[in-house]
Amino acid sequence: MRTTIYHNSRCSKSRECLTILNDFKEEAEVVNYLNQPLLKDDIEQLLELLQVEPQDIIRRNEAVFKEHFAYKKLSRSEWIEAIVKYPILLERPIIVKGNKAIIGRPPQKLLDFLAKE
């Protein structure tokens, strides 16, 4: 079963998770979502696999969030559109294997996830 990691190479936690996948000999597809922005349907699928709402995968410390969204109440679809427009808002890393997904923060979550497989 193939594993996908939604990765930001500038993020230390994302790099740690990629190292864990390599250490576990996981055949991983690396999606650098800042260079390959996700579409609305991609985000919807991730939300379903993670079993969360869009606002649960928003990075609130990002400058873009503080500048554009800090004091706004957005609908589900508006949050998804915000992630499409500003992919830096997406929490990272997200790891998908089969029909399950996790946010690998802290990286220990990935170790627990792989141990269950």
C-alpha atoms as a PDB file:
ATOM      1  CA  MET A   1       0.000   0.000   0.000  1.00  0.00           C
ATOM      2  CA  ARG A   2       1.448   3.330  -1.081  1.00  0.00           C
ATOM      3  CA  THR A   3       1.953   6.178   1.358  1.00  0.00           C
ATOM      4  CA  THR A   4       1.644   9.852   0.468  1.00  0.00           C
ATOM      5  CA  ILE A   5       3.144  12.687   2.470  1.00  0.00           C
ATOM      6  CA  TYR A   6       2.015  16.269   1.955  1.00  0.00           C
ATOM      7  CA  HIS A   7       5.358  17.858   2.613  1.00  0.00           C
ATOM      8  CA  ASN A   8       7.004  21.232   3.102  1.00  0.00           C
ATOM      9  CA  SER A   9      10.778  20.829   2.927  1.00  0.00           C
ATOM     10  CA  ARG A  10      11.289  23.979   5.013  1.00  0.00           C
ATOM     11  CA  CYS A  11       9.388  22.447   7.937  1.00  0.00           C
ATOM     12  CA  SER A  12      11.472  20.454  10.425  1.00  0.00           C
ATOM     13  CA  LYS A  13       8.510  18.269  11.489  1.00  0.00           C
ATOM     14  CA  SER A  14       7.762  17.464   7.870  1.00  0.00           C
ATOM     15  CA  ARG A  15      11.406  16.539   7.254  1.00  0.00           C
ATOM     16  CA  GLU A  16      11.385  14.355  10.385  1.00  0.00           C
ATOM     17  CA  CYS A  17       8.311  12.494   9.139  1.00  0.00           C
ATOM     18  CA  LEU A  18       9.896  11.959   5.737  1.00  0.00           C
ATOM     19  CA  THR A  19      12.948  10.486   7.484  1.00  0.00           C
ATOM     20  CA  ILE A  20      10.691   8.172   9.514  1.00  0.00           C
ATOM     21  CA  LEU A  21       8.983   6.977   6.334  1.00  0.00           C
ATOM     22  CA  ASN A  22      12.382   6.295   4.774  1.00  0.00           C
ATOM     23  CA  ASP A  23      13.578   4.489   7.913  1.00  0.00           C
ATOM     24  CA  PHE A  24      10.470   2.283   7.788  1.00  0.00           C
ATOM     25  CA  LYS A  25      11.167   1.593   4.086  1.00  0.00           C
ATOM     26  CA  GLU A  26       7.781   3.053   3.177  1.00  0.00           C
ATOM     27  CA  GLU A  27       7.372   3.697  -0.522  1.00  0.00           C
ATOM     28  CA  ALA A  28       6.208   7.289  -0.220  1.00  0.00           C
ATOM     29  CA  GLU A  29       4.942   9.713  -2.786  1.00  0.00           C
ATOM     30  CA  VAL A  30       6.073  13.181  -1.716  1.00  0.00           C
ATOM     31  CA  VAL A  31       3.668  15.977  -2.583  1.00  0.00           C
ATOM     32  CA  ASN A  32       5.258  19.370  -2.078  1.00  0.00           C
ATOM     33  CA  TYR A  33       1.934  21.142  -1.773  1.00  0.00           C
ATOM     34  CA  LEU A  34       3.509  24.602  -1.937  1.00  0.00           C
ATOM     35  CA  ASN A  35       4.770  23.832  -5.453  1.00  0.00           C
ATOM     36  CA  GLN A  36       1.845  21.571  -6.390  1.00  0.00           C
ATOM     37  CA  PRO A  37      -1.114  23.353  -4.771  1.00  0.00           C
ATOM     38  CA  LEU A  38      -4.054  21.173  -3.868  1.00  0.00           C
ATOM     39  CA  LEU A  39      -7.423  21.506  -5.517  1.00  0.00           C
ATOM     40  CA  LYS A  40     -10.683  21.800  -3.627  1.00  0.00           C
ATOM     41  CA  ASP A  41     -11.435  18.094  -4.193  1.00  0.00           C
ATOM     42  CA  ASP A  42      -7.985  17.122  -2.856  1.00  0.00           C
ATOM     43  CA  ILE A  43      -8.609  19.066   0.329  1.00  0.00           C
ATOM     44  CA  GLU A  44     -12.093  17.595   0.702  1.00  0.00           C
ATOM     45  CA  GLN A  45     -10.614  14.106   0.424  1.00  0.00           C
ATOM     46  CA  LEU A  46      -7.936  14.876   3.035  1.00  0.00           C
ATOM     47  CA  LEU A  47     -10.567  16.249   5.392  1.00  0.00           C
ATOM     48  CA  GLU A  48     -12.617  13.092   5.005  1.00  0.00           C
ATOM     49  CA  LEU A  49      -9.597  10.847   5.657  1.00  0.00           C
ATOM     50  CA  LEU A  50      -8.497  12.941   8.645  1.00  0.00           C
ATOM     51  CA  GLN A  51     -12.091  13.201   9.894  1.00  0.00           C
ATOM     52  CA  VAL A  52     -11.708  16.910  10.638  1.00  0.00           C
ATOM     53  CA  GLU A  53     -13.085  20.223   9.472  1.00  0.00           C
ATOM     54  CA  PRO A  54     -11.002  22.672   7.399  1.00  0.00           C
ATOM     55  CA  GLN A  55     -10.407  25.049  10.294  1.00  0.00           C
ATOM     56  CA  ASP A  56      -8.755  22.117  12.143  1.00  0.00           C
ATOM     57  CA  ILE A  57      -5.941  21.985   9.570  1.00  0.00           C
ATOM     58  CA  ILE A  58      -5.233  25.716   9.415  1.00  0.00           C
ATOM     59  CA  ARG A  59      -1.887  27.035  10.601  1.00  0.00           C
ATOM     60  CA  ARG A  60      -2.914  30.034  12.673  1.00  0.00           C
ATOM     61  CA  ASN A  61       0.618  31.345  13.226  1.00  0.00           C
ATOM     62  CA  GLU A  62       1.233  31.958   9.541  1.00  0.00           C
ATOM     63  CA  ALA A  63       1.427  35.610   8.481  1.00  0.00           C
ATOM     64  CA  VAL A  64      -1.222  34.973   5.805  1.00  0.00           C
ATOM     65  CA  PHE A  65      -3.654  33.774   8.459  1.00  0.00           C
ATOM     66  CA  LYS A  66      -2.987  36.750  10.702  1.00  0.00           C
ATOM     67  CA  GLU A  67      -3.298  39.180   7.812  1.00  0.00           C
ATOM     68  CA  HIS A  68      -6.403  37.790   6.101  1.00  0.00           C
ATOM     69  CA  PHE A  69      -8.299  35.477   8.435  1.00  0.00           C
ATOM     70  CA  ALA A  70      -7.495  36.063  12.115  1.00  0.00           C
ATOM     71  CA  TYR A  71     -10.781  37.655  13.114  1.00  0.00           C
ATOM     72  CA  LYS A  72     -13.083  36.232  10.476  1.00  0.00           C
ATOM     73  CA  LYS A  73     -15.699  33.528  10.719  1.00  0.00           C
ATOM     74  CA  LEU A  74     -15.604  31.531   7.500  1.00  0.00           C
ATOM     75  CA  SER A  75     -17.825  28.756   6.279  1.00  0.00           C
ATOM     76  CA  ARG A  76     -16.458  25.319   5.538  1.00  0.00           C
ATOM     77  CA  SER A  77     -16.224  26.039   1.824  1.00  0.00           C
ATOM     78  CA  GLU A  78     -14.576  29.425   2.452  1.00  0.00           C
ATOM     79  CA  TRP A  79     -11.873  27.760   4.579  1.00  0.00           C
ATOM     80  CA  ILE A  80     -11.259  25.247   1.807  1.00  0.00           C
ATOM     81  CA  GLU A  81     -10.987  28.070  -0.734  1.00  0.00           C
ATOM     82  CA  ALA A  82      -8.536  29.838   1.603  1.00  0.00           C
ATOM     83  CA  ILE A  83      -6.318  26.731   1.659  1.00  0.00           C
ATOM     84  CA  VAL A  84      -6.499  26.485  -2.133  1.00  0.00           C
ATOM     85  CA  LYS A  85      -5.519  30.142  -2.487  1.00  0.00           C
ATOM     86  CA  TYR A  86      -2.903  30.105   0.305  1.00  0.00           C
ATOM     87  CA  PRO A  87      -1.478  26.573   0.584  1.00  0.00           C
ATOM     88  CA  ILE A  88       0.919  27.725   3.329  1.00  0.00           C
ATOM     89  CA  LEU A  89      -2.137  27.651   5.621  1.00  0.00           C
ATOM     90  CA  LEU A  90      -2.315  23.852   5.428  1.00  0.00           C
ATOM     91  CA  GLU A  91      -1.061  22.050   8.526  1.00  0.00           C
ATOM     92  CA  ARG A  92       1.864  19.786   7.789  1.00  0.00           C
ATOM     93  CA  PRO A  93       2.866  17.150   7.274  1.00  0.00           C
ATOM     94  CA  ILE A  94      -0.183  15.111   6.364  1.00  0.00           C
ATOM     95  CA  ILE A  95       0.466  11.434   5.770  1.00  0.00           C
ATOM     96  CA  VAL A  96      -2.024   9.228   3.929  1.00  0.00           C
ATOM     97  CA  LYS A  97      -1.889   5.452   3.754  1.00  0.00           C
ATOM     98  CA  GLY A  98      -4.808   3.593   2.259  1.00  0.00           C
ATOM     99  CA  ASN A  99      -8.017   5.049   3.628  1.00  0.00           C
ATOM    100  CA  LYS A 100      -6.399   6.601   6.717  1.00  0.00           C
ATOM    101  CA  ALA A 101      -4.552   9.847   7.283  1.00  0.00           C
ATOM    102  CA  ILE A 102      -2.862  11.706  10.099  1.00  0.00           C
ATOM    103  CA  ILE A 103      -1.173  15.007  10.735  1.00  0.00           C
ATOM    104  CA  GLY A 104       2.381  14.060  11.636  1.00  0.00           C
ATOM    105  CA  ARG A 105       2.768  16.634  14.358  1.00  0.00           C
ATOM    106  CA  PRO A 106       4.468  15.667  16.540  1.00  0.00           C
ATOM    107  CA  PRO A 107       6.346  13.066  14.470  1.00  0.00           C
ATOM    108  CA  GLN A 108       5.654  10.462  17.192  1.00  0.00           C
ATOM    109  CA  LYS A 109       2.121  10.311  15.771  1.00  0.00           C
ATOM    110  CA  LEU A 110       3.572   8.907  12.552  1.00  0.00           C
ATOM    111  CA  LEU A 111       5.482   6.228  14.468  1.00  0.00           C
ATOM    112  CA  ASP A 112       2.254   5.212  16.222  1.00  0.00           C
ATOM    113  CA  PHE A 113       0.366   5.263  12.904  1.00  0.00           C
ATOM    114  CA  LEU A 114       2.914   3.015  11.187  1.00  0.00           C
ATOM    115  CA  ALA A 115       3.035   0.645  14.155  1.00  0.00           C
ATOM    116  CA  LYS A 116      -0.714   0.030  13.773  1.00  0.00           C
ATOM    117  CA  GLU A 117      -0.405  -0.865  10.093  1.00  0.00           C
END
